[in-house]
Amino acid sequence: MGTINENLSGLIDEQVIKEFLKSSKFLANNMLSLRRQYGDKYIAVSDGEVVASADSPEELKETLAEAGIDYRKVLIEYIPPADIIYIL
């Protein structure tokens, strides 16, 4: 049994996987600044940068379509408000 990347390589374009991983790292490394800028919004991240934001997933999907971006090829994430504190 291989890694997730090895198992998905035949199903998904390897470039899409690389961009997804880059975008995931971008989210993890920049969450505090993203919460300040995009708090309580949905964002679309592609290749390590925010390409669109909106108040709802439906609005974000429309915004992406208008920009000619396939919503299936971006990482979509809800960004919680900056003033929310999580206790784990």
C-alpha atoms as a PDB file:
ATOM      1  CA  MET A   1       0.000   0.000   0.000  1.00  0.00           C
ATOM      2  CA  GLY A   2       1.488   3.332  -1.086  1.00  0.00           C
ATOM      3  CA  THR A   3       1.151   6.880   0.130  1.00  0.00           C
ATOM      4  CA  ILE A   4      -1.944   8.938  -0.563  1.00  0.00           C
ATOM      5  CA  ASN A   5      -0.100  10.731  -3.370  1.00  0.00           C
ATOM      6  CA  GLU A   6       0.909   7.414  -4.951  1.00  0.00           C
ATOM      7  CA  ASN A   7      -2.626   6.028  -4.690  1.00  0.00           C
ATOM      8  CA  LEU A   8      -4.220   9.144  -6.206  1.00  0.00           C
ATOM      9  CA  SER A   9      -1.655   9.741  -8.937  1.00  0.00           C
ATOM     10  CA  GLY A  10      -3.573   7.673 -11.463  1.00  0.00           C
ATOM     11  CA  LEU A  11      -6.884   9.330 -10.625  1.00  0.00           C
ATOM     12  CA  ILE A  12      -5.921  12.986 -10.327  1.00  0.00           C
ATOM     13  CA  ASP A  13      -3.484  15.074 -12.330  1.00  0.00           C
ATOM     14  CA  GLU A  14      -0.204  15.259 -10.394  1.00  0.00           C
ATOM     15  CA  GLN A  15      -0.060  19.035 -10.934  1.00  0.00           C
ATOM     16  CA  VAL A  16      -3.440  19.398  -9.208  1.00  0.00           C
ATOM     17  CA  ILE A  17      -2.115  17.381  -6.243  1.00  0.00           C
ATOM     18  CA  LYS A  18       0.994  19.577  -6.002  1.00  0.00           C
ATOM     19  CA  GLU A  19      -1.105  22.759  -6.102  1.00  0.00           C
ATOM     20  CA  PHE A  20      -3.479  21.354  -3.474  1.00  0.00           C
ATOM     21  CA  LEU A  21      -0.583  20.510  -1.142  1.00  0.00           C
ATOM     22  CA  LYS A  22       0.953  23.943  -1.684  1.00  0.00           C
ATOM     23  CA  SER A  23      -2.404  25.584  -0.942  1.00  0.00           C
ATOM     24  CA  SER A  24      -2.868  23.453   2.196  1.00  0.00           C
ATOM     25  CA  LYS A  25       0.535  24.535   3.486  1.00  0.00           C
ATOM     26  CA  PHE A  26      -0.287  28.152   2.656  1.00  0.00           C
ATOM     27  CA  LEU A  27      -3.481  27.931   4.729  1.00  0.00           C
ATOM     28  CA  ALA A  28      -1.708  26.347   7.693  1.00  0.00           C
ATOM     29  CA  ASN A  29       1.163  28.842   7.633  1.00  0.00           C
ATOM     30  CA  ASN A  30      -0.994  31.948   7.161  1.00  0.00           C
ATOM     31  CA  MET A  31      -4.178  31.266   9.119  1.00  0.00           C
ATOM     32  CA  LEU A  32      -3.736  34.189  11.531  1.00  0.00           C
ATOM     33  CA  SER A  33      -3.351  36.785   8.790  1.00  0.00           C
ATOM     34  CA  LEU A  34      -6.111  35.116   6.735  1.00  0.00           C
ATOM     35  CA  ARG A  35      -8.440  35.350   9.754  1.00  0.00           C
ATOM     36  CA  ARG A  36      -7.720  39.088  10.002  1.00  0.00           C
ATOM     37  CA  GLN A  37      -8.287  39.703   6.303  1.00  0.00           C
ATOM     38  CA  TYR A  38     -10.972  37.124   5.431  1.00  0.00           C
ATOM     39  CA  GLY A  39     -12.621  36.342   8.787  1.00  0.00           C
ATOM     40  CA  ASP A  40     -16.138  34.878   8.478  1.00  0.00           C
ATOM     41  CA  LYS A  41     -15.712  34.371   4.716  1.00  0.00           C
ATOM     42  CA  TYR A  42     -15.130  31.488   2.359  1.00  0.00           C
ATOM     43  CA  ILE A  43     -11.918  31.640   0.346  1.00  0.00           C
ATOM     44  CA  ALA A  44     -10.580  29.787  -2.671  1.00  0.00           C
ATOM     45  CA  VAL A  45      -6.853  29.073  -2.683  1.00  0.00           C
ATOM     46  CA  SER A  46      -4.974  27.973  -5.764  1.00  0.00           C
ATOM     47  CA  ASP A  47      -1.263  27.247  -5.979  1.00  0.00           C
ATOM     48  CA  GLY A  48      -0.623  28.916  -2.619  1.00  0.00           C
ATOM     49  CA  GLU A  49      -2.590  32.138  -3.039  1.00  0.00           C
ATOM     50  CA  VAL A  50      -6.116  33.398  -2.405  1.00  0.00           C
ATOM     51  CA  VAL A  51      -7.882  33.732  -5.753  1.00  0.00           C
ATOM     52  CA  ALA A  52     -11.390  34.627  -4.513  1.00  0.00           C
ATOM     53  CA  SER A  53     -13.459  35.212  -1.387  1.00  0.00           C
ATOM     54  CA  ALA A  54     -17.187  35.426  -0.643  1.00  0.00           C
ATOM     55  CA  ASP A  55     -19.769  35.309   2.136  1.00  0.00           C
ATOM     56  CA  SER A  56     -21.175  31.913   1.115  1.00  0.00           C
ATOM     57  CA  PRO A  57     -20.015  28.813  -0.753  1.00  0.00           C
ATOM     58  CA  GLU A  58     -22.583  29.467  -3.475  1.00  0.00           C
ATOM     59  CA  GLU A  59     -21.379  33.038  -3.974  1.00  0.00           C
ATOM     60  CA  LEU A  60     -17.770  31.842  -4.042  1.00  0.00           C
ATOM     61  CA  LYS A  61     -18.609  29.255  -6.701  1.00  0.00           C
ATOM     62  CA  GLU A  62     -20.250  31.975  -8.817  1.00  0.00           C
ATOM     63  CA  THR A  63     -17.265  34.304  -8.368  1.00  0.00           C
ATOM     64  CA  LEU A  64     -14.898  31.551  -9.440  1.00  0.00           C
ATOM     65  CA  ALA A  65     -17.032  30.734 -12.501  1.00  0.00           C
ATOM     66  CA  GLU A  66     -17.042  34.409 -13.525  1.00  0.00           C
ATOM     67  CA  ALA A  67     -13.239  34.414 -13.259  1.00  0.00           C
ATOM     68  CA  GLY A  68     -13.003  31.244 -15.358  1.00  0.00           C
ATOM     69  CA  ILE A  69     -11.686  29.155 -12.438  1.00  0.00           C
ATOM     70  CA  ASP A  70     -12.917  25.583 -11.989  1.00  0.00           C
ATOM     71  CA  TYR A  71     -14.056  25.326  -8.358  1.00  0.00           C
ATOM     72  CA  ARG A  72     -13.080  21.627  -8.360  1.00  0.00           C
ATOM     73  CA  LYS A  73      -9.424  22.557  -8.825  1.00  0.00           C
ATOM     74  CA  VAL A  74      -9.067  24.986  -5.915  1.00  0.00           C
ATOM     75  CA  LEU A  75      -9.004  24.525  -2.177  1.00  0.00           C
ATOM     76  CA  ILE A  76     -12.106  26.084  -0.624  1.00  0.00           C
ATOM     77  CA  GLU A  77     -11.996  26.896   3.077  1.00  0.00           C
ATOM     78  CA  TYR A  78     -14.171  28.737   5.576  1.00  0.00           C
ATOM     79  CA  ILE A  79     -12.079  31.230   7.544  1.00  0.00           C
ATOM     80  CA  PRO A  80     -13.401  31.802  11.065  1.00  0.00           C
ATOM     81  CA  PRO A  81     -13.566  35.338  12.463  1.00  0.00           C
ATOM     82  CA  ALA A  82     -10.366  36.659  14.028  1.00  0.00           C
ATOM     83  CA  ASP A  83     -12.030  37.220  17.397  1.00  0.00           C
ATOM     84  CA  ILE A  84     -13.076  33.572  17.872  1.00  0.00           C
ATOM     85  CA  ILE A  85     -10.836  31.572  20.212  1.00  0.00           C
ATOM     86  CA  TYR A  86     -10.767  27.794  20.020  1.00  0.00           C
ATOM     87  CA  ILE A  87     -10.017  25.695  23.097  1.00  0.00           C
ATOM     88  CA  LEU A  88      -8.965  22.150  22.382  1.00  0.00           C
END
